[in-house]
C-alpha atoms as a PDB file:
ATOM      1  CA  UNK A   1     -29.787  11.063  -1.978  1.00  0.00           C
ATOM      2  CA  UNK A   2     -26.997   8.494  -1.790  1.00  0.00           C
ATOM      3  CA  UNK A   3     -24.250   8.607   0.807  1.00  0.00           C
ATOM      4  CA  UNK A   4     -20.608   8.629  -0.360  1.00  0.00           C
ATOM      5  CA  UNK A   5     -18.689   5.374   0.021  1.00  0.00           C
ATOM      6  CA  UNK A   6     -16.562   5.057   3.139  1.00  0.00           C
ATOM      7  CA  UNK A   7     -12.792   5.033   2.673  1.00  0.00           C
ATOM      8  CA  UNK A   8     -11.577   2.303   5.045  1.00  0.00           C
ATOM      9  CA  UNK A   9      -7.933   2.552   3.954  1.00  0.00           C
ATOM     10  CA  UNK A  10      -5.596   1.203   1.292  1.00  0.00           C
ATOM     11  CA  UNK A  11      -6.499  -2.059  -0.436  1.00  0.00           C
ATOM     12  CA  UNK A  12      -4.483  -5.190   0.285  1.00  0.00           C
ATOM     13  CA  UNK A  13      -2.757  -6.486  -2.884  1.00  0.00           C
ATOM     14  CA  UNK A  14      -3.431 -10.097  -1.776  1.00  0.00           C
ATOM     15  CA  UNK A  15      -7.064 -10.220  -0.651  1.00  0.00           C
ATOM     16  CA  UNK A  16      -8.199  -6.836  -2.080  1.00  0.00           C
ATOM     17  CA  UNK A  17      -9.898  -5.857   1.169  1.00  0.00           C
ATOM     18  CA  UNK A  18      -9.469  -2.245   2.422  1.00  0.00           C
ATOM     19  CA  UNK A  19      -7.645  -3.221   5.617  1.00  0.00           C
ATOM     20  CA  UNK A  20      -3.969  -2.475   4.907  1.00  0.00           C
ATOM     21  CA  UNK A  21      -2.423  -0.753   7.937  1.00  0.00           C
ATOM     22  CA  UNK A  22       1.085   0.524   8.759  1.00  0.00           C
ATOM     23  CA  UNK A  23       3.087  -1.403  11.355  1.00  0.00           C
ATOM     24  CA  UNK A  24       5.556  -0.101  13.929  1.00  0.00           C
ATOM     25  CA  UNK A  25       8.376  -0.464  11.366  1.00  0.00           C
ATOM     26  CA  UNK A  26       8.452   2.448   8.857  1.00  0.00           C
ATOM     27  CA  UNK A  27       7.580   1.360   5.319  1.00  0.00           C
ATOM     28  CA  UNK A  28       5.993  -1.915   6.444  1.00  0.00           C
ATOM     29  CA  UNK A  29       2.299  -2.738   6.251  1.00  0.00           C
ATOM     30  CA  UNK A  30       0.039  -5.603   7.314  1.00  0.00           C
ATOM     31  CA  UNK A  31      -3.452  -6.495   6.205  1.00  0.00           C
ATOM     32  CA  UNK A  32      -5.608  -6.975   9.277  1.00  0.00           C
ATOM     33  CA  UNK A  33      -7.989  -9.145   7.226  1.00  0.00           C
ATOM     34  CA  UNK A  34      -5.634 -11.797   5.731  1.00  0.00           C
ATOM     35  CA  UNK A  35      -2.559 -10.946   7.907  1.00  0.00           C
ATOM     36  CA  UNK A  36      -0.221 -10.729   4.865  1.00  0.00           C
ATOM     37  CA  UNK A  37       2.805  -8.438   5.478  1.00  0.00           C
ATOM     38  CA  UNK A  38       4.262  -6.022   2.919  1.00  0.00           C
ATOM     39  CA  UNK A  39       7.241  -3.717   2.514  1.00  0.00           C
ATOM     40  CA  UNK A  40       7.175  -0.456   0.577  1.00  0.00           C
ATOM     41  CA  UNK A  41       9.988  -0.473  -2.008  1.00  0.00           C
ATOM     42  CA  UNK A  42      11.535   2.341  -4.044  1.00  0.00           C
ATOM     43  CA  UNK A  43      11.621   0.440  -7.375  1.00  0.00           C
ATOM     44  CA  UNK A  44       8.279  -0.594  -8.868  1.00  0.00           C
ATOM     45  CA  UNK A  45       8.016  -4.415  -9.154  1.00  0.00           C
ATOM     46  CA  UNK A  46       5.816  -3.984 -12.276  1.00  0.00           C
ATOM     47  CA  UNK A  47       7.690  -1.487 -14.475  1.00  0.00           C
ATOM     48  CA  UNK A  48      11.033  -0.899 -12.718  1.00  0.00           C
ATOM     49  CA  UNK A  49      10.490   2.857 -12.317  1.00  0.00           C
ATOM     50  CA  UNK A  50      12.323   4.379  -9.337  1.00  0.00           C
ATOM     51  CA  UNK A  51      10.323   6.486  -6.895  1.00  0.00           C
ATOM     52  CA  UNK A  52      11.050   8.307  -3.663  1.00  0.00           C
ATOM     53  CA  UNK A  53       9.648   6.525  -0.601  1.00  0.00           C
ATOM     54  CA  UNK A  54       7.572   8.620   1.773  1.00  0.00           C
ATOM     55  CA  UNK A  55       7.461   6.573   4.974  1.00  0.00           C
ATOM     56  CA  UNK A  56       5.013   8.742   6.914  1.00  0.00           C
ATOM     57  CA  UNK A  57       1.980   6.571   7.591  1.00  0.00           C
ATOM     58  CA  UNK A  58      -0.562   9.262   6.695  1.00  0.00           C
ATOM     59  CA  UNK A  59       1.146  10.341   3.457  1.00  0.00           C
ATOM     60  CA  UNK A  60       2.584   7.053   2.173  1.00  0.00           C
ATOM     61  CA  UNK A  61       2.050   6.554  -1.549  1.00  0.00           C
ATOM     62  CA  UNK A  62       1.766   2.846  -2.305  1.00  0.00           C
ATOM     63  CA  UNK A  63       1.040   3.207  -6.053  1.00  0.00           C
ATOM     64  CA  UNK A  64       3.646   3.714  -8.778  1.00  0.00           C
ATOM     65  CA  UNK A  65       3.514   7.151 -10.394  1.00  0.00           C
ATOM     66  CA  UNK A  66       4.366   5.632 -13.785  1.00  0.00           C
ATOM     67  CA  UNK A  67       2.194   2.491 -14.136  1.00  0.00           C
ATOM     68  CA  UNK A  68      -0.063   2.918 -11.053  1.00  0.00           C
ATOM     69  CA  UNK A  69       0.857  -0.603  -9.876  1.00  0.00           C
ATOM     70  CA  UNK A  70       1.497  -1.449  -6.250  1.00  0.00           C
ATOM     71  CA  UNK A  71       4.860  -0.483  -4.715  1.00  0.00           C
ATOM     72  CA  UNK A  72       4.334  -3.107  -2.002  1.00  0.00           C
ATOM     73  CA  UNK A  73       6.113  -6.462  -2.024  1.00  0.00           C
ATOM     74  CA  UNK A  74       5.278  -9.391   0.286  1.00  0.00           C
ATOM     75  CA  UNK A  75       7.684  -9.928   3.185  1.00  0.00           C
END
């Protein structure tokens, strides 16, 4: 029997490691692996689709509902 894979958190768009964590500022994230900082935006950088931002750290959606691209931009 195989064990299910651990979910360590959201993947960093820069280094692709699962260490993206929210910071003290709502809507801001930092990768604890490569230390890159990101901001959650309401307009998708890939397709331009507008989305509502949910800034709660446990319910934040960082993927576009339309194209499934990242809604995070480097700060």
